[in-house]
């Protein structure tokens, strides 16, 4: 039995369902009415934030969603190497 992606309650066979045709997620019909509005607002806010980040950070802001940030590794020095050569 599926669960509604919005309210997380079970979707029973007698419940009306709705949602995007190509999506993996299932929704109650009334939950979809609310969830689709939230999805549009959230997507718009994310796009605006992305545009602000590009304007302020340039190329770094443009690429930041696609690049994982790892701490820079320093060259091992003589102090960090317990074995002296």
C-alpha atoms as a PDB file:
ATOM      1  CA  UNK A   1       0.000   0.000   0.000  1.00  0.00           C
ATOM      2  CA  UNK A   2       1.402   3.402  -1.007  1.00  0.00           C
ATOM      3  CA  UNK A   3       1.743   6.426   1.230  1.00  0.00           C
ATOM      4  CA  UNK A   4       0.903   9.969   0.231  1.00  0.00           C
ATOM      5  CA  UNK A   5       4.082  11.933  -0.442  1.00  0.00           C
ATOM      6  CA  UNK A   6       2.547  15.031   1.151  1.00  0.00           C
ATOM      7  CA  UNK A   7       0.789  13.859   4.340  1.00  0.00           C
ATOM      8  CA  UNK A   8       2.517  10.428   4.602  1.00  0.00           C
ATOM      9  CA  UNK A   9      -0.815   8.681   5.381  1.00  0.00           C
ATOM     10  CA  UNK A  10      -1.709   5.470   3.580  1.00  0.00           C
ATOM     11  CA  UNK A  11      -3.473   5.705   0.248  1.00  0.00           C
ATOM     12  CA  UNK A  12      -6.234   3.127   0.378  1.00  0.00           C
ATOM     13  CA  UNK A  13      -7.826   1.658  -2.754  1.00  0.00           C
ATOM     14  CA  UNK A  14     -11.016   3.704  -2.280  1.00  0.00           C
ATOM     15  CA  UNK A  15      -9.129   7.042  -1.981  1.00  0.00           C
ATOM     16  CA  UNK A  16      -8.995   9.389  -4.953  1.00  0.00           C
ATOM     17  CA  UNK A  17      -5.423  10.001  -6.054  1.00  0.00           C
ATOM     18  CA  UNK A  18      -3.744  12.685  -8.125  1.00  0.00           C
ATOM     19  CA  UNK A  19      -0.311  13.924  -9.059  1.00  0.00           C
ATOM     20  CA  UNK A  20       1.984  14.234 -12.024  1.00  0.00           C
ATOM     21  CA  UNK A  21       1.561  11.380 -14.504  1.00  0.00           C
ATOM     22  CA  UNK A  22       5.269  10.598 -14.789  1.00  0.00           C
ATOM     23  CA  UNK A  23       6.136  10.841 -11.081  1.00  0.00           C
ATOM     24  CA  UNK A  24       7.037   8.044  -8.710  1.00  0.00           C
ATOM     25  CA  UNK A  25       5.236   9.778  -5.836  1.00  0.00           C
ATOM     26  CA  UNK A  26       1.571   9.249  -5.025  1.00  0.00           C
ATOM     27  CA  UNK A  27      -0.770  11.821  -3.494  1.00  0.00           C
ATOM     28  CA  UNK A  28      -4.300  11.965  -2.132  1.00  0.00           C
ATOM     29  CA  UNK A  29      -6.354  14.193  -4.450  1.00  0.00           C
ATOM     30  CA  UNK A  30      -6.762  16.907  -1.785  1.00  0.00           C
ATOM     31  CA  UNK A  31      -3.077  16.674  -0.774  1.00  0.00           C
ATOM     32  CA  UNK A  32      -1.970  17.100  -4.382  1.00  0.00           C
ATOM     33  CA  UNK A  33      -3.931  20.360  -4.638  1.00  0.00           C
ATOM     34  CA  UNK A  34      -1.840  21.735  -1.763  1.00  0.00           C
ATOM     35  CA  UNK A  35       1.458  20.011  -2.634  1.00  0.00           C
ATOM     36  CA  UNK A  36       1.606  21.254  -6.230  1.00  0.00           C
ATOM     37  CA  UNK A  37       1.231  24.866  -5.054  1.00  0.00           C
ATOM     38  CA  UNK A  38       4.041  24.368  -2.530  1.00  0.00           C
ATOM     39  CA  UNK A  39       6.237  22.743  -5.178  1.00  0.00           C
ATOM     40  CA  UNK A  40       5.821  25.704  -7.534  1.00  0.00           C
ATOM     41  CA  UNK A  41       6.637  28.219  -4.775  1.00  0.00           C
ATOM     42  CA  UNK A  42       9.647  26.211  -3.603  1.00  0.00           C
ATOM     43  CA  UNK A  43      11.018  25.834  -7.139  1.00  0.00           C
ATOM     44  CA  UNK A  44      10.613  29.547  -7.787  1.00  0.00           C
ATOM     45  CA  UNK A  45      12.365  30.427  -4.515  1.00  0.00           C
ATOM     46  CA  UNK A  46      15.234  28.063  -5.317  1.00  0.00           C
ATOM     47  CA  UNK A  47      15.635  29.606  -8.774  1.00  0.00           C
ATOM     48  CA  UNK A  48      15.690  33.152  -7.353  1.00  0.00           C
ATOM     49  CA  UNK A  49      18.275  32.166  -4.726  1.00  0.00           C
ATOM     50  CA  UNK A  50      20.398  30.572  -7.445  1.00  0.00           C
ATOM     51  CA  UNK A  51      20.226  33.771  -9.523  1.00  0.00           C
ATOM     52  CA  UNK A  52      21.208  35.884  -6.485  1.00  0.00           C
ATOM     53  CA  UNK A  53      24.144  33.595  -5.760  1.00  0.00           C
ATOM     54  CA  UNK A  54      25.357  33.840  -9.379  1.00  0.00           C
ATOM     55  CA  UNK A  55      25.077  37.651  -9.280  1.00  0.00           C
ATOM     56  CA  UNK A  56      27.101  37.889  -6.071  1.00  0.00           C
ATOM     57  CA  UNK A  57      29.603  35.024  -6.493  1.00  0.00           C
ATOM     58  CA  UNK A  58      29.970  34.754 -10.273  1.00  0.00           C
ATOM     59  CA  UNK A  59      31.258  31.456 -11.631  1.00  0.00           C
ATOM     60  CA  UNK A  60      31.592  29.967  -8.140  1.00  0.00           C
ATOM     61  CA  UNK A  61      27.887  30.592  -7.522  1.00  0.00           C
ATOM     62  CA  UNK A  62      27.015  29.129 -10.907  1.00  0.00           C
ATOM     63  CA  UNK A  63      28.912  25.899 -10.320  1.00  0.00           C
ATOM     64  CA  UNK A  64      28.329  25.445  -6.587  1.00  0.00           C
ATOM     65  CA  UNK A  65      25.226  23.210  -6.919  1.00  0.00           C
ATOM     66  CA  UNK A  66      27.233  20.826  -9.105  1.00  0.00           C
ATOM     67  CA  UNK A  67      30.518  20.650  -7.220  1.00  0.00           C
ATOM     68  CA  UNK A  68      31.073  18.791  -3.982  1.00  0.00           C
ATOM     69  CA  UNK A  69      33.211  20.704  -1.559  1.00  0.00           C
ATOM     70  CA  UNK A  70      35.964  18.770   0.139  1.00  0.00           C
ATOM     71  CA  UNK A  71      38.353  20.210   2.685  1.00  0.00           C
ATOM     72  CA  UNK A  72      41.646  20.995   1.048  1.00  0.00           C
ATOM     73  CA  UNK A  73      44.311  18.501   1.913  1.00  0.00           C
ATOM     74  CA  UNK A  74      47.590  19.985   2.956  1.00  0.00           C
ATOM     75  CA  UNK A  75      50.929  18.592   1.947  1.00  0.00           C
ATOM     76  CA  UNK A  76      52.222  16.412   4.758  1.00  0.00           C
ATOM     77  CA  UNK A  77      55.015  18.210   6.540  1.00  0.00           C
ATOM     78  CA  UNK A  78      57.761  16.891   8.737  1.00  0.00           C
ATOM     79  CA  UNK A  79      55.681  17.662  11.837  1.00  0.00           C
ATOM     80  CA  UNK A  80      52.757  15.572  10.628  1.00  0.00           C
ATOM     81  CA  UNK A  81      54.912  12.638   9.554  1.00  0.00           C
ATOM     82  CA  UNK A  82      55.721  10.451  12.587  1.00  0.00           C
ATOM     83  CA  UNK A  83      58.392   8.541  10.672  1.00  0.00           C
ATOM     84  CA  UNK A  84      61.495  10.599   9.965  1.00  0.00           C
ATOM     85  CA  UNK A  85      63.429   9.823   6.825  1.00  0.00           C
END
